[in-house]
Amino acid sequence: MKASGNNVVSDNATLSSNQRTPNFPYRSNVAYRRLKRVVDIAVTLPAAVITLPLTVVLCVIINLNSNGSPLFRQQRIGLGGKPFMLYKLRTMEKDAEINGPSLSVKNDPRVTSVGRLLRKYHLDEMPQFWNILKGDMSLVGPRPEREHYLRQLRIAEPESSNLHVMKPGITSAGMVNYGYASDIESMVERLHHDLQYLENASTSLDFKIMMKSIKTIFNGKGI
């Protein structure tokens, strides 16, 4: 589902298909990097405590609704191209990818009835607060992808290798401006939003993305 609304990255921020070494101010802006981490902890720590009871209740409901662990773990690629374990509440059947990696699609039959509700309001992402506190992720950053799809993205769009200059985020410019992707072509389109974000990253832009993400959550605009 593509997200609607104005692009939170400036319309003047364009990505050249011939550009292979874009300027990422995030690399040299030490003050911004430190402030970003402070904000991550200041927001995430109370959020994790407040949502813990709801997370526990949802884990029980997931267990009653379908087989398998309520907590879903999956390896993603993060800062510097290093793998980390991402945590989510399980929204699909236990053996959803028994035949190998497969992107979600609209009305995906693998998604459980409880999972559809969790995805609609992004409640399945609450365990990622732990990823932020561990330092694997940030509130705002490029969307973390699996190596399986990153290999395909590098062929389709070589600029994708630049995603790893920043920690991945729970939310991203790609998610709020484009939404979920069901194939490599749409992943490339979404990728361009994240690359534009990296070229224009700032505290004010992070705030805009977070505000748009909150609006999306309350409007139930998940997949």
C-alpha atoms as a PDB file:
ATOM      1  CA  MET A   1       0.000   0.000   0.000  1.00  0.00           C
ATOM      2  CA  LYS A   2       1.493   3.350  -0.955  1.00  0.00           C
ATOM      3  CA  ALA A   3       1.379   6.058   1.652  1.00  0.00           C
ATOM      4  CA  SER A   4      -0.432   9.226   0.714  1.00  0.00           C
ATOM      5  CA  GLY A   5       0.392  12.842   1.493  1.00  0.00           C
ATOM      6  CA  ASN A   6       3.206  15.246   0.795  1.00  0.00           C
ATOM      7  CA  ASN A   7       6.756  14.007   0.497  1.00  0.00           C
ATOM      8  CA  VAL A   8       8.589  14.770   3.741  1.00  0.00           C
ATOM      9  CA  VAL A   9      11.862  15.153   1.844  1.00  0.00           C
ATOM     10  CA  SER A  10      12.175  18.430  -0.017  1.00  0.00           C
ATOM     11  CA  ASP A  11      10.992  18.387  -3.626  1.00  0.00           C
ATOM     12  CA  ASN A  12      14.366  19.909  -4.509  1.00  0.00           C
ATOM     13  CA  ALA A  13      16.177  16.825  -3.245  1.00  0.00           C
ATOM     14  CA  THR A  14      16.711  14.776  -6.377  1.00  0.00           C
ATOM     15  CA  LEU A  15      18.736  11.635  -6.940  1.00  0.00           C
ATOM     16  CA  SER A  16      20.838  11.386 -10.051  1.00  0.00           C
ATOM     17  CA  SER A  17      21.015   7.952 -11.619  1.00  0.00           C
ATOM     18  CA  ASN A  18      24.650   8.704 -12.516  1.00  0.00           C
ATOM     19  CA  GLN A  19      25.578   9.705  -8.972  1.00  0.00           C
ATOM     20  CA  ARG A  20      27.694   7.046  -7.281  1.00  0.00           C
ATOM     21  CA  THR A  21      29.271   8.987  -4.390  1.00  0.00           C
ATOM     22  CA  PRO A  22      26.507  11.240  -3.020  1.00  0.00           C
ATOM     23  CA  ASN A  23      27.217  13.624  -0.171  1.00  0.00           C
ATOM     24  CA  PHE A  24      25.831  12.374   3.114  1.00  0.00           C
ATOM     25  CA  PRO A  25      26.175  15.159   5.725  1.00  0.00           C
ATOM     26  CA  TYR A  26      25.252  12.618   8.406  1.00  0.00           C
ATOM     27  CA  ARG A  27      28.778  11.177   8.157  1.00  0.00           C
ATOM     28  CA  SER A  28      30.524  14.395   9.212  1.00  0.00           C
ATOM     29  CA  ASN A  29      27.831  15.937  11.426  1.00  0.00           C
ATOM     30  CA  VAL A  30      28.887  14.614  14.826  1.00  0.00           C
ATOM     31  CA  ALA A  31      26.434  16.840  16.724  1.00  0.00           C
ATOM     32  CA  TYR A  32      23.487  15.496  14.714  1.00  0.00           C
ATOM     33  CA  ARG A  33      24.567  11.879  15.212  1.00  0.00           C
ATOM     34  CA  ARG A  34      24.866  12.353  18.966  1.00  0.00           C
ATOM     35  CA  LEU A  35      21.550  14.196  19.225  1.00  0.00           C
ATOM     36  CA  LYS A  36      19.892  11.481  17.146  1.00  0.00           C
ATOM     37  CA  ARG A  37      21.045   8.832  19.625  1.00  0.00           C
ATOM     38  CA  VAL A  38      19.904  10.916  22.611  1.00  0.00           C
ATOM     39  CA  VAL A  39      16.463  11.330  21.046  1.00  0.00           C
ATOM     40  CA  ASP A  40      16.307   7.607  20.253  1.00  0.00           C
ATOM     41  CA  ILE A  41      16.871   6.673  23.893  1.00  0.00           C
ATOM     42  CA  ALA A  42      14.732   9.481  25.342  1.00  0.00           C
ATOM     43  CA  VAL A  43      11.737   8.454  23.226  1.00  0.00           C
ATOM     44  CA  THR A  44      12.215   4.703  23.104  1.00  0.00           C
ATOM     45  CA  LEU A  45      12.905   3.922  26.760  1.00  0.00           C
ATOM     46  CA  PRO A  46       9.584   5.278  28.108  1.00  0.00           C
ATOM     47  CA  ALA A  47       7.746   3.961  25.042  1.00  0.00           C
ATOM     48  CA  ALA A  48       9.119   0.464  25.683  1.00  0.00           C
ATOM     49  CA  VAL A  49       8.013   0.584  29.329  1.00  0.00           C
ATOM     50  CA  ILE A  50       4.546   1.949  28.515  1.00  0.00           C
ATOM     51  CA  THR A  51       3.868  -0.573  25.741  1.00  0.00           C
ATOM     52  CA  LEU A  52       5.289  -3.611  27.587  1.00  0.00           C
ATOM     53  CA  PRO A  53       1.907  -4.675  29.075  1.00  0.00           C
ATOM     54  CA  LEU A  54       0.264  -4.405  25.645  1.00  0.00           C
ATOM     55  CA  THR A  55       3.110  -6.395  24.088  1.00  0.00           C
ATOM     56  CA  VAL A  56       2.626  -9.179  26.658  1.00  0.00           C
ATOM     57  CA  VAL A  57      -1.141  -9.274  26.038  1.00  0.00           C
ATOM     58  CA  LEU A  58      -0.601  -9.399  22.270  1.00  0.00           C
ATOM     59  CA  CYS A  59       1.881 -12.255  22.665  1.00  0.00           C
ATOM     60  CA  VAL A  60      -0.780 -14.265  24.512  1.00  0.00           C
ATOM     61  CA  ILE A  61      -3.377 -13.494  21.815  1.00  0.00           C
ATOM     62  CA  ILE A  62      -0.962 -14.486  19.052  1.00  0.00           C
ATOM     63  CA  ASN A  63      -0.259 -17.780  20.822  1.00  0.00           C
ATOM     64  CA  LEU A  64      -3.969 -18.520  21.065  1.00  0.00           C
ATOM     65  CA  ASN A  65      -4.597 -17.540  17.459  1.00  0.00           C
ATOM     66  CA  SER A  66      -1.886 -19.564  15.694  1.00  0.00           C
ATOM     67  CA  ASN A  67       1.014 -21.946  16.190  1.00  0.00           C
ATOM     68  CA  GLY A  68       4.561 -20.750  16.718  1.00  0.00           C
ATOM     69  CA  SER A  69       6.398 -18.247  18.870  1.00  0.00           C
ATOM     70  CA  PRO A  70       4.669 -14.878  19.200  1.00  0.00           C
ATOM     71  CA  LEU A  71       8.039 -13.168  18.857  1.00  0.00           C
ATOM     72  CA  PHE A  72       9.447 -13.128  15.339  1.00  0.00           C
ATOM     73  CA  ARG A  73      13.187 -12.776  14.721  1.00  0.00           C
ATOM     74  CA  GLN A  74      14.809 -12.148  11.373  1.00  0.00           C
ATOM     75  CA  GLN A  75      18.308 -11.179  10.313  1.00  0.00           C
ATOM     76  CA  ARG A  76      18.559  -7.768   8.634  1.00  0.00           C
ATOM     77  CA  ILE A  77      21.508  -5.706   7.433  1.00  0.00           C
ATOM     78  CA  GLY A  78      22.320  -2.553   9.361  1.00  0.00           C
ATOM     79  CA  LEU A  79      24.996   0.082   9.842  1.00  0.00           C
ATOM     80  CA  GLY A  80      28.174  -0.633   7.923  1.00  0.00           C
ATOM     81  CA  GLY A  81      26.578  -3.625   6.221  1.00  0.00           C
ATOM     82  CA  LYS A  82      26.655  -5.632   9.451  1.00  0.00           C
ATOM     83  CA  PRO A  83      23.825  -8.112  10.152  1.00  0.00           C
ATOM     84  CA  PHE A  84      21.656  -7.836  13.245  1.00  0.00           C
ATOM     85  CA  MET A  85      18.591  -9.636  14.572  1.00  0.00           C
ATOM     86  CA  LEU A  86      15.370  -7.656  14.165  1.00  0.00           C
ATOM     87  CA  TYR A  87      12.455  -8.371  16.497  1.00  0.00           C
ATOM     88  CA  LYS A  88       8.745  -8.124  15.691  1.00  0.00           C
ATOM     89  CA  LEU A  89       5.491  -9.659  16.803  1.00  0.00           C
ATOM     90  CA  ARG A  90       4.647 -12.536  14.486  1.00  0.00           C
ATOM     91  CA  THR A  91       1.892 -11.670  12.004  1.00  0.00           C
ATOM     92  CA  MET A  92       2.177 -14.661   9.642  1.00  0.00           C
ATOM     93  CA  GLU A  93       1.685 -18.378   9.935  1.00  0.00           C
ATOM     94  CA  LYS A  94       4.605 -20.279  11.444  1.00  0.00           C
ATOM     95  CA  ASP A  95       5.932 -21.676   8.140  1.00  0.00           C
ATOM     96  CA  ALA A  96       5.151 -18.631   5.990  1.00  0.00           C
ATOM     97  CA  GLU A  97       8.521 -18.782   4.215  1.00  0.00           C
ATOM     98  CA  ILE A  98       9.083 -22.514   4.142  1.00  0.00           C
ATOM     99  CA  ASN A  99       9.843 -22.215   0.407  1.00  0.00           C
ATOM    100  CA  GLY A 100      12.228 -19.285   0.820  1.00  0.00           C
ATOM    101  CA  PRO A 101      12.036 -15.477   1.242  1.00  0.00           C
ATOM    102  CA  SER A 102       8.856 -13.926  -0.108  1.00  0.00           C
ATOM    103  CA  LEU A 103       7.633 -10.324   0.118  1.00  0.00           C
ATOM    104  CA  SER A 104       4.216  -9.558   1.551  1.00  0.00           C
ATOM    105  CA  VAL A 105       1.425  -8.653  -0.834  1.00  0.00           C
ATOM    106  CA  LYS A 106      -1.984  -7.097  -0.334  1.00  0.00           C
ATOM    107  CA  ASN A 107      -4.415  -9.594   1.251  1.00  0.00           C
ATOM    108  CA  ASP A 108      -1.512 -11.996   1.788  1.00  0.00           C
ATOM    109  CA  PRO A 109      -3.049 -15.374   2.772  1.00  0.00           C
ATOM    110  CA  ARG A 110      -0.069 -16.099   5.029  1.00  0.00           C
ATOM    111  CA  VAL A 111      -1.042 -13.283   7.408  1.00  0.00           C
ATOM    112  CA  THR A 112      -3.123 -14.387  10.390  1.00  0.00           C
ATOM    113  CA  SER A 113      -6.354 -12.682  11.431  1.00  0.00           C
ATOM    114  CA  VAL A 114      -4.605 -11.145  14.442  1.00  0.00           C
ATOM    115  CA  GLY A 115      -1.624 -10.295  12.254  1.00  0.00           C
ATOM    116  CA  ARG A 116      -3.771  -8.157   9.957  1.00  0.00           C
ATOM    117  CA  LEU A 117      -4.816  -5.993  12.889  1.00  0.00           C
ATOM    118  CA  LEU A 118      -1.234  -5.713  14.142  1.00  0.00           C
ATOM    119  CA  ARG A 119       0.018  -4.670  10.719  1.00  0.00           C
ATOM    120  CA  LYS A 120      -2.764  -2.160  10.181  1.00  0.00           C
ATOM    121  CA  TYR A 121      -1.687  -0.187  13.251  1.00  0.00           C
ATOM    122  CA  HIS A 122       2.017  -1.189  13.141  1.00  0.00           C
ATOM    123  CA  LEU A 123       1.702  -2.843  16.568  1.00  0.00           C
ATOM    124  CA  ASP A 124       3.902  -5.693  15.356  1.00  0.00           C
ATOM    125  CA  GLU A 125       6.878  -3.322  15.380  1.00  0.00           C
ATOM    126  CA  MET A 126       6.817  -2.577  19.123  1.00  0.00           C
ATOM    127  CA  PRO A 127       9.588  -5.121  19.925  1.00  0.00           C
ATOM    128  CA  GLN A 128      11.900  -3.038  17.730  1.00  0.00           C
ATOM    129  CA  PHE A 129      12.169  -0.614  20.653  1.00  0.00           C
ATOM    130  CA  TRP A 130      14.612  -3.212  21.985  1.00  0.00           C
ATOM    131  CA  ASN A 131      16.597  -2.974  18.740  1.00  0.00           C
ATOM    132  CA  ILE A 132      16.914   0.781  19.245  1.00  0.00           C
ATOM    133  CA  LEU A 133      18.010   0.468  22.876  1.00  0.00           C
ATOM    134  CA  LYS A 134      20.608  -2.111  21.820  1.00  0.00           C
ATOM    135  CA  GLY A 135      21.946   0.345  19.255  1.00  0.00           C
ATOM    136  CA  ASP A 136      21.073  -1.695  16.156  1.00  0.00           C
ATOM    137  CA  MET A 137      18.396   0.717  14.942  1.00  0.00           C
ATOM    138  CA  SER A 138      17.174   4.291  15.226  1.00  0.00           C
ATOM    139  CA  LEU A 139      13.698   5.823  15.282  1.00  0.00           C
ATOM    140  CA  VAL A 140      14.252   7.212  11.769  1.00  0.00           C
ATOM    141  CA  GLY A 141      16.605   5.790   9.177  1.00  0.00           C
ATOM    142  CA  PRO A 142      16.685   3.711   6.008  1.00  0.00           C
ATOM    143  CA  ARG A 143      14.446   0.656   6.014  1.00  0.00           C
ATOM    144  CA  PRO A 144      16.423  -2.459   7.076  1.00  0.00           C
ATOM    145  CA  GLU A 145      16.368  -5.132   4.398  1.00  0.00           C
ATOM    146  CA  ARG A 146      17.380  -8.764   4.218  1.00  0.00           C
ATOM    147  CA  GLU A 147      20.582  -9.728   2.416  1.00  0.00           C
ATOM    148  CA  HIS A 148      18.510 -11.830   0.002  1.00  0.00           C
ATOM    149  CA  TYR A 149      16.784  -8.706  -1.328  1.00  0.00           C
ATOM    150  CA  LEU A 150      19.788  -6.421  -0.963  1.00  0.00           C
ATOM    151  CA  ARG A 151      21.659  -8.576  -3.477  1.00  0.00           C
ATOM    152  CA  GLN A 152      18.858  -8.016  -5.978  1.00  0.00           C
ATOM    153  CA  LEU A 153      18.651  -4.302  -5.157  1.00  0.00           C
ATOM    154  CA  ARG A 154      22.387  -3.854  -5.775  1.00  0.00           C
ATOM    155  CA  ILE A 155      21.876  -5.176  -9.296  1.00  0.00           C
ATOM    156  CA  ALA A 156      18.768  -3.105  -9.986  1.00  0.00           C
ATOM    157  CA  GLU A 157      20.088   0.056  -8.266  1.00  0.00           C
ATOM    158  CA  PRO A 158      23.797   0.236  -7.312  1.00  0.00           C
ATOM    159  CA  GLU A 159      23.041   3.240  -5.052  1.00  0.00           C
ATOM    160  CA  SER A 160      21.434   0.807  -2.593  1.00  0.00           C
ATOM    161  CA  SER A 161      24.888   0.108  -1.123  1.00  0.00           C
ATOM    162  CA  ASN A 162      24.748   3.609   0.391  1.00  0.00           C
ATOM    163  CA  LEU A 163      21.876   2.631   2.703  1.00  0.00           C
ATOM    164  CA  HIS A 164      24.305   1.402   5.327  1.00  0.00           C
ATOM    165  CA  VAL A 165      25.919   4.754   6.181  1.00  0.00           C
ATOM    166  CA  MET A 166      23.236   5.182   8.884  1.00  0.00           C
ATOM    167  CA  LYS A 167      21.482   2.888  11.319  1.00  0.00           C
ATOM    168  CA  PRO A 168      18.193   1.596   9.896  1.00  0.00           C
ATOM    169  CA  GLY A 169      15.006   3.003  11.372  1.00  0.00           C
ATOM    170  CA  ILE A 170      11.686   1.735  12.694  1.00  0.00           C
ATOM    171  CA  THR A 171      10.242   4.275  10.290  1.00  0.00           C
ATOM    172  CA  SER A 172      11.745   5.757   7.154  1.00  0.00           C
ATOM    173  CA  ALA A 173      11.166   8.270   4.398  1.00  0.00           C
ATOM    174  CA  GLY A 174      10.514   5.324   2.100  1.00  0.00           C
ATOM    175  CA  MET A 175       7.756   3.953   4.319  1.00  0.00           C
ATOM    176  CA  VAL A 176       5.910   7.236   4.922  1.00  0.00           C
ATOM    177  CA  ASN A 177       6.211   8.419   1.306  1.00  0.00           C
ATOM    178  CA  TYR A 178       5.789   5.129  -0.531  1.00  0.00           C
ATOM    179  CA  GLY A 179       4.668   2.343   1.762  1.00  0.00           C
ATOM    180  CA  TYR A 180       5.153  -1.409   1.517  1.00  0.00           C
ATOM    181  CA  ALA A 181       6.757  -3.008  -1.528  1.00  0.00           C
ATOM    182  CA  SER A 182       5.689  -6.335  -3.022  1.00  0.00           C
ATOM    183  CA  ASP A 183       8.407  -6.749  -5.678  1.00  0.00           C
ATOM    184  CA  ILE A 184      11.925  -5.549  -6.535  1.00  0.00           C
ATOM    185  CA  GLU A 185      10.655  -2.786  -8.827  1.00  0.00           C
ATOM    186  CA  SER A 186       8.610  -1.194  -6.044  1.00  0.00           C
ATOM    187  CA  MET A 187      11.471  -1.733  -3.590  1.00  0.00           C
ATOM    188  CA  VAL A 188      13.698   0.331  -5.895  1.00  0.00           C
ATOM    189  CA  GLU A 189      11.094   3.114  -6.009  1.00  0.00           C
ATOM    190  CA  ARG A 190      10.897   3.138  -2.211  1.00  0.00           C
ATOM    191  CA  LEU A 191      14.680   2.997  -1.970  1.00  0.00           C
ATOM    192  CA  HIS A 192      15.005   6.344  -3.742  1.00  0.00           C
ATOM    193  CA  HIS A 193      13.071   8.035  -0.929  1.00  0.00           C
ATOM    194  CA  ASP A 194      15.515   6.649   1.646  1.00  0.00           C
ATOM    195  CA  LEU A 195      18.528   7.752  -0.401  1.00  0.00           C
ATOM    196  CA  GLN A 196      17.086  11.254  -0.674  1.00  0.00           C
ATOM    197  CA  TYR A 197      16.586  11.229   3.083  1.00  0.00           C
ATOM    198  CA  LEU A 198      20.246  10.340   3.640  1.00  0.00           C
ATOM    199  CA  GLU A 199      21.314  13.287   1.487  1.00  0.00           C
ATOM    200  CA  ASN A 200      19.120  15.673   3.515  1.00  0.00           C
ATOM    201  CA  ALA A 201      19.062  14.103   6.983  1.00  0.00           C
ATOM    202  CA  SER A 202      18.482  16.547   9.824  1.00  0.00           C
ATOM    203  CA  THR A 203      16.725  16.737  13.176  1.00  0.00           C
ATOM    204  CA  SER A 204      13.818  18.668  11.648  1.00  0.00           C
ATOM    205  CA  LEU A 205      13.407  16.096   8.864  1.00  0.00           C
ATOM    206  CA  ASP A 206      13.477  13.260  11.396  1.00  0.00           C
ATOM    207  CA  PHE A 207      10.719  15.033  13.324  1.00  0.00           C
ATOM    208  CA  LYS A 208       8.588  15.419  10.179  1.00  0.00           C
ATOM    209  CA  ILE A 209       8.968  11.723   9.349  1.00  0.00           C
ATOM    210  CA  MET A 210       8.061  10.689  12.912  1.00  0.00           C
ATOM    211  CA  MET A 211       4.980  12.915  12.912  1.00  0.00           C
ATOM    212  CA  LYS A 212       3.829  11.499   9.576  1.00  0.00           C
ATOM    213  CA  SER A 213       4.466   7.976  10.898  1.00  0.00           C
ATOM    214  CA  ILE A 214       2.318   8.626  13.977  1.00  0.00           C
ATOM    215  CA  LYS A 215      -0.456   9.929  11.729  1.00  0.00           C
ATOM    216  CA  THR A 216      -0.210   6.777   9.614  1.00  0.00           C
ATOM    217  CA  ILE A 217      -0.467   4.588  12.736  1.00  0.00           C
ATOM    218  CA  PHE A 218      -3.583   6.320  14.073  1.00  0.00           C
ATOM    219  CA  ASN A 219      -5.186   6.245  10.628  1.00  0.00           C
ATOM    220  CA  GLY A 220      -4.577   2.492  10.378  1.00  0.00           C
ATOM    221  CA  LYS A 221      -2.643   2.820   7.116  1.00  0.00           C
ATOM    222  CA  GLY A 222      -0.481  -0.287   7.569  1.00  0.00           C
ATOM    223  CA  ILE A 223      -0.422  -3.004   4.919  1.00  0.00           C
END
